[in-house]
Amino acid sequence: MINNLYFFLTISALLFSLGITAIFYRKNIIAILIGVELVLNAASLNFVAFSRFTQSHLHGQVFALFIIIIAAAEAAVALAIVLRLFQTKETIDVEEANALRN
């Protein structure tokens, strides 16, 4: 097992950069949602890693649990919006999401 904080921070930075790349360069709503989930998972990994290596008891795990709950709620709301967009426009392109205002 790896007992090095820098390993976990490197993995977290990789997840974060992949998530930001997916958010900025994709036009598919599902790919953008996956990018947001990657960013949230990177934050969770940071909280848990710092909690483990700084002996701060369960604070990092509690924050990670809240992030998981927020990610589940975000996924439910976002998928409802995606389904409504697909129902009205028959596409999941981000550029067409502007048409849901009317």
PDB file of N, CA and C in Angstrom:
ATOM      1  N   MET A   1       0.835  -1.181   0.000  1.00  0.00           N
ATOM      2  CA  MET A   1       0.000   0.000   0.000  1.00  0.00           C
ATOM      3  C   MET A   1       0.881   1.247   0.000  1.00  0.00           C
ATOM      4  N   ILE A   2       0.402   2.255  -0.662  1.00  0.00           N
ATOM      5  CA  ILE A   2       1.180   3.485  -0.791  1.00  0.00           C
ATOM      6  C   ILE A   2       0.873   4.393   0.399  1.00  0.00           C
ATOM      7  N   ASN A   3       1.891   4.774   1.131  1.00  0.00           N
ATOM      8  CA  ASN A   3       1.738   5.635   2.297  1.00  0.00           C
ATOM      9  C   ASN A   3       2.381   6.987   2.046  1.00  0.00           C
ATOM     10  N   ASN A   4       1.977   7.640   0.983  1.00  0.00           N
ATOM     11  CA  ASN A   4       2.583   8.900   0.615  1.00  0.00           C
ATOM     12  C   ASN A   4       1.477   9.873   0.220  1.00  0.00           C
ATOM     13  N   LEU A   5       1.442  11.019   0.859  1.00  0.00           N
ATOM     14  CA  LEU A   5       0.423  12.015   0.572  1.00  0.00           C
ATOM     15  C   LEU A   5       0.553  12.551  -0.844  1.00  0.00           C
ATOM     16  N   TYR A   6       1.764  12.672  -1.333  1.00  0.00           N
ATOM     17  CA  TYR A   6       1.981  13.243  -2.663  1.00  0.00           C
ATOM     18  C   TYR A   6       1.390  12.362  -3.761  1.00  0.00           C
ATOM     19  N   PHE A   7       1.367  11.068  -3.552  1.00  0.00           N
ATOM     20  CA  PHE A   7       0.739  10.177  -4.524  1.00  0.00           C
ATOM     21  C   PHE A   7      -0.744  10.495  -4.657  1.00  0.00           C
ATOM     22  N   PHE A   8      -1.427  10.641  -3.528  1.00  0.00           N
ATOM     23  CA  PHE A   8      -2.857  10.938  -3.562  1.00  0.00           C
ATOM     24  C   PHE A   8      -3.129  12.330  -4.124  1.00  0.00           C
ATOM     25  N   LEU A   9      -2.266  13.284  -3.828  1.00  0.00           N
ATOM     26  CA  LEU A   9      -2.443  14.625  -4.379  1.00  0.00           C
ATOM     27  C   LEU A   9      -2.213  14.638  -5.885  1.00  0.00           C
ATOM     28  N   THR A  10      -1.291  13.822  -6.364  1.00  0.00           N
ATOM     29  CA  THR A  10      -1.049  13.726  -7.800  1.00  0.00           C
ATOM     30  C   THR A  10      -2.248  13.110  -8.516  1.00  0.00           C
ATOM     31  N   ILE A  11      -2.792  12.050  -7.953  1.00  0.00           N
ATOM     32  CA  ILE A  11      -3.985  11.436  -8.544  1.00  0.00           C
ATOM     33  C   ILE A  11      -5.145  12.424  -8.527  1.00  0.00           C
ATOM     34  N   SER A  12      -5.291  13.155  -7.438  1.00  0.00           N
ATOM     35  CA  SER A  12      -6.359  14.144  -7.341  1.00  0.00           C
ATOM     36  C   SER A  12      -6.181  15.267  -8.363  1.00  0.00           C
ATOM     37  N   ALA A  13      -4.958  15.717  -8.554  1.00  0.00           N
ATOM     38  CA  ALA A  13      -4.703  16.760  -9.553  1.00  0.00           C
ATOM     39  C   ALA A  13      -4.994  16.255 -10.961  1.00  0.00           C
ATOM     40  N   LEU A  14      -4.668  14.997 -11.221  1.00  0.00           N
ATOM     41  CA  LEU A  14      -4.975  14.402 -12.517  1.00  0.00           C
ATOM     42  C   LEU A  14      -6.481  14.317 -12.747  1.00  0.00           C
ATOM     43  N   LEU A  15      -7.217  13.861 -11.738  1.00  0.00           N
ATOM     44  CA  LEU A  15      -8.679  13.808 -11.845  1.00  0.00           C
ATOM     45  C   LEU A  15      -9.277  15.200 -12.059  1.00  0.00           C
ATOM     46  N   PHE A  16      -8.761  16.170 -11.298  1.00  0.00           N
ATOM     47  CA  PHE A  16      -9.263  17.534 -11.417  1.00  0.00           C
ATOM     48  C   PHE A  16      -9.013  18.109 -12.810  1.00  0.00           C
ATOM     49  N   SER A  17      -7.811  17.896 -13.337  1.00  0.00           N
ATOM     50  CA  SER A  17      -7.497  18.442 -14.660  1.00  0.00           C
ATOM     51  C   SER A  17      -8.306  17.752 -15.757  1.00  0.00           C
ATOM     52  N   LEU A  18      -8.523  16.456 -15.628  1.00  0.00           N
ATOM     53  CA  LEU A  18      -9.379  15.760 -16.600  1.00  0.00           C
ATOM     54  C   LEU A  18     -10.814  16.271 -16.530  1.00  0.00           C
ATOM     55  N   GLY A  19     -11.300  16.526 -15.326  1.00  0.00           N
ATOM     56  CA  GLY A  19     -12.654  17.049 -15.166  1.00  0.00           C
ATOM     57  C   GLY A  19     -12.809  18.438 -15.750  1.00  0.00           C
ATOM     58  N   ILE A  20     -11.855  19.317 -15.488  1.00  0.00           N
ATOM     59  CA  ILE A  20     -11.922  20.674 -16.040  1.00  0.00           C
ATOM     60  C   ILE A  20     -11.833  20.637 -17.557  1.00  0.00           C
ATOM     61  N   THR A  21     -10.986  19.766 -18.086  1.00  0.00           N
ATOM     62  CA  THR A  21     -10.878  19.628 -19.541  1.00  0.00           C
ATOM     63  C   THR A  21     -12.203  19.168 -20.140  1.00  0.00           C
ATOM     64  N   ALA A  22     -12.846  18.212 -19.510  1.00  0.00           N
ATOM     65  CA  ALA A  22     -14.140  17.731 -20.005  1.00  0.00           C
ATOM     66  C   ALA A  22     -15.209  18.814 -19.927  1.00  0.00           C
ATOM     67  N   ILE A  23     -15.167  19.617 -18.884  1.00  0.00           N
ATOM     68  CA  ILE A  23     -16.177  20.678 -18.735  1.00  0.00           C
ATOM     69  C   ILE A  23     -16.008  21.740 -19.819  1.00  0.00           C
ATOM     70  N   PHE A  24     -14.788  22.138 -20.097  1.00  0.00           N
ATOM     71  CA  PHE A  24     -14.568  23.252 -21.013  1.00  0.00           C
ATOM     72  C   PHE A  24     -14.584  22.872 -22.485  1.00  0.00           C
ATOM     73  N   TYR A  25     -14.209  21.647 -22.830  1.00  0.00           N
ATOM     74  CA  TYR A  25     -14.043  21.319 -24.238  1.00  0.00           C
ATOM     75  C   TYR A  25     -15.111  20.399 -24.806  1.00  0.00           C
ATOM     76  N   ARG A  26     -16.085  19.999 -24.038  1.00  0.00           N
ATOM     77  CA  ARG A  26     -17.140  19.130 -24.542  1.00  0.00           C
ATOM     78  C   ARG A  26     -18.411  19.928 -24.763  1.00  0.00           C
ATOM     79  N   LYS A  27     -19.187  19.531 -25.762  1.00  0.00           N
ATOM     80  CA  LYS A  27     -20.488  20.152 -26.002  1.00  0.00           C
ATOM     81  C   LYS A  27     -21.628  19.223 -25.628  1.00  0.00           C
ATOM     82  N   ASN A  28     -21.299  17.993 -25.270  1.00  0.00           N
ATOM     83  CA  ASN A  28     -22.290  17.023 -24.860  1.00  0.00           C
ATOM     84  C   ASN A  28     -22.571  17.202 -23.370  1.00  0.00           C
ATOM     85  N   ILE A  29     -23.830  17.309 -23.001  1.00  0.00           N
ATOM     86  CA  ILE A  29     -24.183  17.572 -21.608  1.00  0.00           C
ATOM     87  C   ILE A  29     -23.749  16.423 -20.703  1.00  0.00           C
ATOM     88  N   ILE A  30     -23.872  15.197 -21.172  1.00  0.00           N
ATOM     89  CA  ILE A  30     -23.478  14.047 -20.361  1.00  0.00           C
ATOM     90  C   ILE A  30     -21.975  14.085 -20.070  1.00  0.00           C
ATOM     91  N   ALA A  31     -21.171  14.434 -21.051  1.00  0.00           N
ATOM     92  CA  ALA A  31     -19.723  14.529 -20.843  1.00  0.00           C
ATOM     93  C   ALA A  31     -19.386  15.650 -19.857  1.00  0.00           C
ATOM     94  N   ILE A  32     -20.128  16.735 -19.896  1.00  0.00           N
ATOM     95  CA  ILE A  32     -19.910  17.828 -18.948  1.00  0.00           C
ATOM     96  C   ILE A  32     -20.264  17.379 -17.534  1.00  0.00           C
ATOM     97  N   LEU A  33     -21.341  16.633 -17.392  1.00  0.00           N
ATOM     98  CA  LEU A  33     -21.713  16.115 -16.072  1.00  0.00           C
ATOM     99  C   LEU A  33     -20.652  15.150 -15.530  1.00  0.00           C
ATOM    100  N   ILE A  34     -20.088  14.340 -16.399  1.00  0.00           N
ATOM    101  CA  ILE A  34     -19.018  13.444 -15.972  1.00  0.00           C
ATOM    102  C   ILE A  34     -17.798  14.260 -15.525  1.00  0.00           C
ATOM    103  N   GLY A  35     -17.514  15.359 -16.225  1.00  0.00           N
ATOM    104  CA  GLY A  35     -16.418  16.242 -15.821  1.00  0.00           C
ATOM    105  C   GLY A  35     -16.653  16.853 -14.452  1.00  0.00           C
ATOM    106  N   VAL A  36     -17.887  17.264 -14.176  1.00  0.00           N
ATOM    107  CA  VAL A  36     -18.208  17.811 -12.854  1.00  0.00           C
ATOM    108  C   VAL A  36     -18.025  16.745 -11.781  1.00  0.00           C
ATOM    109  N   GLU A  37     -18.442  15.525 -12.073  1.00  0.00           N
ATOM    110  CA  GLU A  37     -18.264  14.431 -11.118  1.00  0.00           C
ATOM    111  C   GLU A  37     -16.780  14.157 -10.859  1.00  0.00           C
ATOM    112  N   LEU A  38     -15.950  14.247 -11.887  1.00  0.00           N
ATOM    113  CA  LEU A  38     -14.511  14.052 -11.694  1.00  0.00           C
ATOM    114  C   LEU A  38     -13.920  15.129 -10.786  1.00  0.00           C
ATOM    115  N   VAL A  39     -14.357  16.360 -10.966  1.00  0.00           N
ATOM    116  CA  VAL A  39     -13.868  17.450 -10.117  1.00  0.00           C
ATOM    117  C   VAL A  39     -14.290  17.216  -8.664  1.00  0.00           C
ATOM    118  N   LEU A  40     -15.530  16.806  -8.457  1.00  0.00           N
ATOM    119  CA  LEU A  40     -15.993  16.533  -7.096  1.00  0.00           C
ATOM    120  C   LEU A  40     -15.253  15.352  -6.471  1.00  0.00           C
ATOM    121  N   ASN A  41     -14.970  14.330  -7.269  1.00  0.00           N
ATOM    122  CA  ASN A  41     -14.211  13.192  -6.754  1.00  0.00           C
ATOM    123  C   ASN A  41     -12.779  13.584  -6.400  1.00  0.00           C
ATOM    124  N   ALA A  42     -12.194  14.491  -7.168  1.00  0.00           N
ATOM    125  CA  ALA A  42     -10.854  14.975  -6.842  1.00  0.00           C
ATOM    126  C   ALA A  42     -10.855  15.714  -5.502  1.00  0.00           C
ATOM    127  N   ALA A  43     -11.881  16.514  -5.275  1.00  0.00           N
ATOM    128  CA  ALA A  43     -11.978  17.219  -3.988  1.00  0.00           C
ATOM    129  C   ALA A  43     -12.167  16.230  -2.841  1.00  0.00           C
ATOM    130  N   SER A  44     -12.988  15.217  -3.049  1.00  0.00           N
ATOM    131  CA  SER A  44     -13.195  14.200  -2.014  1.00  0.00           C
ATOM    132  C   SER A  44     -11.898  13.467  -1.693  1.00  0.00           C
ATOM    133  N   LEU A  45     -11.157  13.120  -2.728  1.00  0.00           N
ATOM    134  CA  LEU A  45      -9.881  12.433  -2.514  1.00  0.00           C
ATOM    135  C   LEU A  45      -8.919  13.300  -1.711  1.00  0.00           C
ATOM    136  N   ASN A  46      -8.901  14.589  -1.991  1.00  0.00           N
ATOM    137  CA  ASN A  46      -8.046  15.502  -1.211  1.00  0.00           C
ATOM    138  C   ASN A  46      -8.462  15.535   0.255  1.00  0.00           C
ATOM    139  N   PHE A  47      -9.757  15.643   0.511  1.00  0.00           N
ATOM    140  CA  PHE A  47     -10.227  15.686   1.896  1.00  0.00           C
ATOM    141  C   PHE A  47      -9.853  14.417   2.657  1.00  0.00           C
ATOM    142  N   VAL A  48     -10.085  13.268   2.032  1.00  0.00           N
ATOM    143  CA  VAL A  48      -9.787  12.008   2.709  1.00  0.00           C
ATOM    144  C   VAL A  48      -8.282  11.823   2.897  1.00  0.00           C
ATOM    145  N   ALA A  49      -7.494  12.177   1.908  1.00  0.00           N
ATOM    146  CA  ALA A  49      -6.040  12.026   2.028  1.00  0.00           C
ATOM    147  C   ALA A  49      -5.478  12.925   3.126  1.00  0.00           C
ATOM    148  N   PHE A  50      -5.905  14.184   3.154  1.00  0.00           N
ATOM    149  CA  PHE A  50      -5.404  15.075   4.199  1.00  0.00           C
ATOM    150  C   PHE A  50      -5.886  14.629   5.575  1.00  0.00           C
ATOM    151  N   SER A  51      -7.102  14.103   5.637  1.00  0.00           N
ATOM    152  CA  SER A  51      -7.607  13.613   6.916  1.00  0.00           C
ATOM    153  C   SER A  51      -6.790  12.428   7.410  1.00  0.00           C
ATOM    154  N   ARG A  52      -6.383  11.560   6.503  1.00  0.00           N
ATOM    155  CA  ARG A  52      -5.613  10.381   6.900  1.00  0.00           C
ATOM    156  C   ARG A  52      -4.200  10.744   7.318  1.00  0.00           C
ATOM    157  N   PHE A  53      -3.577  11.654   6.597  1.00  0.00           N
ATOM    158  CA  PHE A  53      -2.171  11.946   6.859  1.00  0.00           C
ATOM    159  C   PHE A  53      -1.946  13.036   7.904  1.00  0.00           C
ATOM    160  N   THR A  54      -2.991  13.744   8.300  1.00  0.00           N
ATOM    161  CA  THR A  54      -2.823  14.761   9.341  1.00  0.00           C
ATOM    162  C   THR A  54      -3.469  14.350  10.655  1.00  0.00           C
ATOM    163  N   GLN A  55      -4.033  13.161  10.702  1.00  0.00           N
ATOM    164  CA  GLN A  55      -4.654  12.634  11.922  1.00  0.00           C
ATOM    165  C   GLN A  55      -5.742  13.565  12.457  1.00  0.00           C
ATOM    166  N   SER A  56      -6.590  14.072  11.564  1.00  0.00           N
ATOM    167  CA  SER A  56      -7.668  14.961  11.991  1.00  0.00           C
ATOM    168  C   SER A  56      -8.969  14.191  12.189  1.00  0.00           C
ATOM    169  N   HIS A  57      -8.869  12.965  12.599  1.00  0.00           N
ATOM    170  CA  HIS A  57      -9.990  12.085  12.915  1.00  0.00           C
ATOM    171  C   HIS A  57     -10.859  11.860  11.683  1.00  0.00           C
ATOM    172  N   LEU A  58     -12.112  12.205  11.739  1.00  0.00           N
ATOM    173  CA  LEU A  58     -13.022  11.888  10.634  1.00  0.00           C
ATOM    174  C   LEU A  58     -13.491  13.117   9.863  1.00  0.00           C
ATOM    175  N   HIS A  59     -12.837  14.243  10.016  1.00  0.00           N
ATOM    176  CA  HIS A  59     -13.316  15.451   9.350  1.00  0.00           C
ATOM    177  C   HIS A  59     -13.305  15.317   7.831  1.00  0.00           C
ATOM    178  N   GLY A  60     -12.260  14.771   7.274  1.00  0.00           N
ATOM    179  CA  GLY A  60     -12.174  14.606   5.827  1.00  0.00           C
ATOM    180  C   GLY A  60     -13.207  13.639   5.293  1.00  0.00           C
ATOM    181  N   GLN A  61     -13.457  12.567   6.034  1.00  0.00           N
ATOM    182  CA  GLN A  61     -14.462  11.604   5.599  1.00  0.00           C
ATOM    183  C   GLN A  61     -15.860  12.204   5.636  1.00  0.00           C
ATOM    184  N   VAL A  62     -16.129  13.051   6.618  1.00  0.00           N
ATOM    185  CA  VAL A  62     -17.442  13.704   6.697  1.00  0.00           C
ATOM    186  C   VAL A  62     -17.630  14.653   5.527  1.00  0.00           C
ATOM    187  N   PHE A  63     -16.611  15.423   5.188  1.00  0.00           N
ATOM    188  CA  PHE A  63     -16.697  16.308   4.031  1.00  0.00           C
ATOM    189  C   PHE A  63     -16.875  15.516   2.743  1.00  0.00           C
ATOM    190  N   ALA A  64     -16.172  14.392   2.626  1.00  0.00           N
ATOM    191  CA  ALA A  64     -16.312  13.550   1.438  1.00  0.00           C
ATOM    192  C   ALA A  64     -17.726  12.984   1.339  1.00  0.00           C
ATOM    193  N   LEU A  65     -18.313  12.625   2.466  1.00  0.00           N
ATOM    194  CA  LEU A  65     -19.698  12.136   2.459  1.00  0.00           C
ATOM    195  C   LEU A  65     -20.662  13.220   1.991  1.00  0.00           C
ATOM    196  N   PHE A  66     -20.455  14.456   2.443  1.00  0.00           N
ATOM    197  CA  PHE A  66     -21.289  15.563   1.979  1.00  0.00           C
ATOM    198  C   PHE A  66     -21.116  15.798   0.474  1.00  0.00           C
ATOM    199  N   ILE A  67     -19.902  15.659  -0.009  1.00  0.00           N
ATOM    200  CA  ILE A  67     -19.660  15.830  -1.443  1.00  0.00           C
ATOM    201  C   ILE A  67     -20.382  14.751  -2.237  1.00  0.00           C
ATOM    202  N   ILE A  68     -20.379  13.529  -1.733  1.00  0.00           N
ATOM    203  CA  ILE A  68     -21.096  12.444  -2.417  1.00  0.00           C
ATOM    204  C   ILE A  68     -22.594  12.727  -2.450  1.00  0.00           C
ATOM    205  N   ILE A  69     -23.141  13.234  -1.351  1.00  0.00           N
ATOM    206  CA  ILE A  69     -24.567  13.561  -1.303  1.00  0.00           C
ATOM    207  C   ILE A  69     -24.890  14.681  -2.275  1.00  0.00           C
ATOM    208  N   ILE A  70     -24.060  15.700  -2.316  1.00  0.00           N
ATOM    209  CA  ILE A  70     -24.275  16.812  -3.244  1.00  0.00           C
ATOM    210  C   ILE A  70     -24.155  16.346  -4.686  1.00  0.00           C
ATOM    211  N   ALA A  71     -23.211  15.463  -4.970  1.00  0.00           N
ATOM    212  CA  ALA A  71     -23.046  14.940  -6.331  1.00  0.00           C
ATOM    213  C   ALA A  71     -24.254  14.126  -6.761  1.00  0.00           C
ATOM    214  N   ALA A  72     -24.836  13.373  -5.853  1.00  0.00           N
ATOM    215  CA  ALA A  72     -26.030  12.595  -6.194  1.00  0.00           C
ATOM    216  C   ALA A  72     -27.212  13.511  -6.497  1.00  0.00           C
ATOM    217  N   ALA A  73     -27.380  14.548  -5.698  1.00  0.00           N
ATOM    218  CA  ALA A  73     -28.469  15.496  -5.954  1.00  0.00           C
ATOM    219  C   ALA A  73     -28.243  16.250  -7.262  1.00  0.00           C
ATOM    220  N   GLU A  74     -27.010  16.637  -7.507  1.00  0.00           N
ATOM    221  CA  GLU A  74     -26.686  17.340  -8.761  1.00  0.00           C
ATOM    222  C   GLU A  74     -26.937  16.453  -9.964  1.00  0.00           C
ATOM    223  N   ALA A  75     -26.595  15.192  -9.868  1.00  0.00           N
ATOM    224  CA  ALA A  75     -26.814  14.270 -10.986  1.00  0.00           C
ATOM    225  C   ALA A  75     -28.308  14.078 -11.247  1.00  0.00           C
ATOM    226  N   ALA A  76     -29.094  13.991 -10.208  1.00  0.00           N
ATOM    227  CA  ALA A  76     -30.538  13.807 -10.388  1.00  0.00           C
ATOM    228  C   ALA A  76     -31.169  15.016 -11.076  1.00  0.00           C
ATOM    229  N   VAL A  77     -30.831  16.213 -10.617  1.00  0.00           N
ATOM    230  CA  VAL A  77     -31.395  17.427 -11.220  1.00  0.00           C
ATOM    231  C   VAL A  77     -30.882  17.615 -12.645  1.00  0.00           C
ATOM    232  N   ALA A  78     -29.605  17.400 -12.853  1.00  0.00           N
ATOM    233  CA  ALA A  78     -29.034  17.597 -14.185  1.00  0.00           C
ATOM    234  C   ALA A  78     -29.583  16.582 -15.184  1.00  0.00           C
ATOM    235  N   LEU A  79     -29.753  15.341 -14.771  1.00  0.00           N
ATOM    236  CA  LEU A  79     -30.319  14.352 -15.693  1.00  0.00           C
ATOM    237  C   LEU A  79     -31.782  14.645 -16.016  1.00  0.00           C
ATOM    238  N   ALA A  80     -32.514  15.234 -15.074  1.00  0.00           N
ATOM    239  CA  ALA A  80     -33.887  15.657 -15.371  1.00  0.00           C
ATOM    240  C   ALA A  80     -33.886  16.764 -16.421  1.00  0.00           C
ATOM    241  N   ILE A  81     -32.944  17.686 -16.320  1.00  0.00           N
ATOM    242  CA  ILE A  81     -32.835  18.745 -17.324  1.00  0.00           C
ATOM    243  C   ILE A  81     -32.432  18.165 -18.673  1.00  0.00           C
ATOM    244  N   VAL A  82     -31.520  17.207 -18.674  1.00  0.00           N
ATOM    245  CA  VAL A  82     -31.092  16.569 -19.931  1.00  0.00           C
ATOM    246  C   VAL A  82     -32.264  15.847 -20.584  1.00  0.00           C
ATOM    247  N   LEU A  83     -33.058  15.139 -19.790  1.00  0.00           N
ATOM    248  CA  LEU A  83     -34.220  14.439 -20.353  1.00  0.00           C
ATOM    249  C   LEU A  83     -35.229  15.422 -20.940  1.00  0.00           C
ATOM    250  N   ARG A  84     -35.440  16.535 -20.279  1.00  0.00           N
ATOM    251  CA  ARG A  84     -36.366  17.550 -20.801  1.00  0.00           C
ATOM    252  C   ARG A  84     -35.814  18.162 -22.085  1.00  0.00           C
ATOM    253  N   LEU A  85     -34.528  18.427 -22.130  1.00  0.00           N
ATOM    254  CA  LEU A  85     -33.916  18.964 -23.348  1.00  0.00           C
ATOM    255  C   LEU A  85     -34.039  17.978 -24.500  1.00  0.00           C
ATOM    256  N   PHE A  86     -33.785  16.717 -24.222  1.00  0.00           N
ATOM    257  CA  PHE A  86     -33.889  15.710 -25.279  1.00  0.00           C
ATOM    258  C   PHE A  86     -35.334  15.535 -25.732  1.00  0.00           C
ATOM    259  N   GLN A  87     -36.265  15.682 -24.811  1.00  0.00           N
ATOM    260  CA  GLN A  87     -37.682  15.549 -25.156  1.00  0.00           C
ATOM    261  C   GLN A  87     -38.134  16.689 -26.065  1.00  0.00           C
ATOM    262  N   THR A  88     -37.634  17.895 -25.837  1.00  0.00           N
ATOM    263  CA  THR A  88     -38.085  19.029 -26.638  1.00  0.00           C
ATOM    264  C   THR A  88     -37.276  19.225 -27.914  1.00  0.00           C
ATOM    265  N   LYS A  89     -35.959  19.025 -27.869  1.00  0.00           N
ATOM    266  CA  LYS A  89     -35.093  19.322 -29.009  1.00  0.00           C
ATOM    267  C   LYS A  89     -34.501  18.092 -29.688  1.00  0.00           C
ATOM    268  N   GLU A  90     -34.631  16.923 -29.075  1.00  0.00           N
ATOM    269  CA  GLU A  90     -34.076  15.669 -29.589  1.00  0.00           C
ATOM    270  C   GLU A  90     -32.561  15.738 -29.806  1.00  0.00           C
ATOM    271  N   THR A  91     -31.885  16.441 -28.924  1.00  0.00           N
ATOM    272  CA  THR A  91     -30.433  16.516 -28.918  1.00  0.00           C
ATOM    273  C   THR A  91     -29.980  16.801 -27.492  1.00  0.00           C
ATOM    274  N   ILE A  92     -28.721  16.475 -27.197  1.00  0.00           N
ATOM    275  CA  ILE A  92     -28.159  16.811 -25.884  1.00  0.00           C
ATOM    276  C   ILE A  92     -26.967  17.749 -26.039  1.00  0.00           C
ATOM    277  N   ASP A  93     -26.993  18.544 -27.090  1.00  0.00           N
ATOM    278  CA  ASP A  93     -25.945  19.524 -27.338  1.00  0.00           C
ATOM    279  C   ASP A  93     -26.147  20.724 -26.418  1.00  0.00           C
ATOM    280  N   VAL A  94     -25.073  21.231 -25.848  1.00  0.00           N
ATOM    281  CA  VAL A  94     -25.159  22.338 -24.909  1.00  0.00           C
ATOM    282  C   VAL A  94     -25.685  23.602 -25.588  1.00  0.00           C
ATOM    283  N   GLU A  95     -25.365  23.793 -26.833  1.00  0.00           N
ATOM    284  CA  GLU A  95     -25.799  24.996 -27.542  1.00  0.00           C
ATOM    285  C   GLU A  95     -27.337  25.062 -27.640  1.00  0.00           C
ATOM    286  N   GLU A  96     -27.991  23.931 -27.646  1.00  0.00           N
ATOM    287  CA  GLU A  96     -29.454  23.908 -27.738  1.00  0.00           C
ATOM    288  C   GLU A  96     -30.126  24.144 -26.390  1.00  0.00           C
ATOM    289  N   ALA A  97     -29.380  24.101 -25.295  1.00  0.00           N
ATOM    290  CA  ALA A  97     -29.962  24.266 -23.963  1.00  0.00           C
ATOM    291  C   ALA A  97     -30.483  25.678 -23.760  1.00  0.00           C
ATOM    292  N   ASN A  98     -30.007  26.622 -24.517  1.00  0.00           N
ATOM    293  CA  ASN A  98     -30.480  27.998 -24.425  1.00  0.00           C
ATOM    294  C   ASN A  98     -31.953  28.100 -24.786  1.00  0.00           C
ATOM    295  N   ALA A  99     -32.449  27.157 -25.578  1.00  0.00           N
ATOM    296  CA  ALA A  99     -33.835  27.190 -26.042  1.00  0.00           C
ATOM    297  C   ALA A  99     -34.825  26.792 -24.950  1.00  0.00           C
ATOM    298  N   LEU A 100     -34.381  26.317 -23.807  1.00  0.00           N
ATOM    299  CA  LEU A 100     -35.287  25.914 -22.740  1.00  0.00           C
ATOM    300  C   LEU A 100     -35.826  27.108 -21.948  1.00  0.00           C
ATOM    301  N   ARG A 101     -35.328  28.288 -22.215  1.00  0.00           N
ATOM    302  CA  ARG A 101     -35.802  29.473 -21.479  1.00  0.00           C
ATOM    303  C   ARG A 101     -37.251  29.798 -21.810  1.00  0.00           C
ATOM    304  N   ASN A 102     -37.687  29.527 -23.003  1.00  0.00           N
ATOM    305  CA  ASN A 102     -39.059  29.899 -23.413  1.00  0.00           C
ATOM    306  C   ASN A 102     -40.073  28.916 -22.912  1.00  0.00           C
TER     307      ASN A 102
END
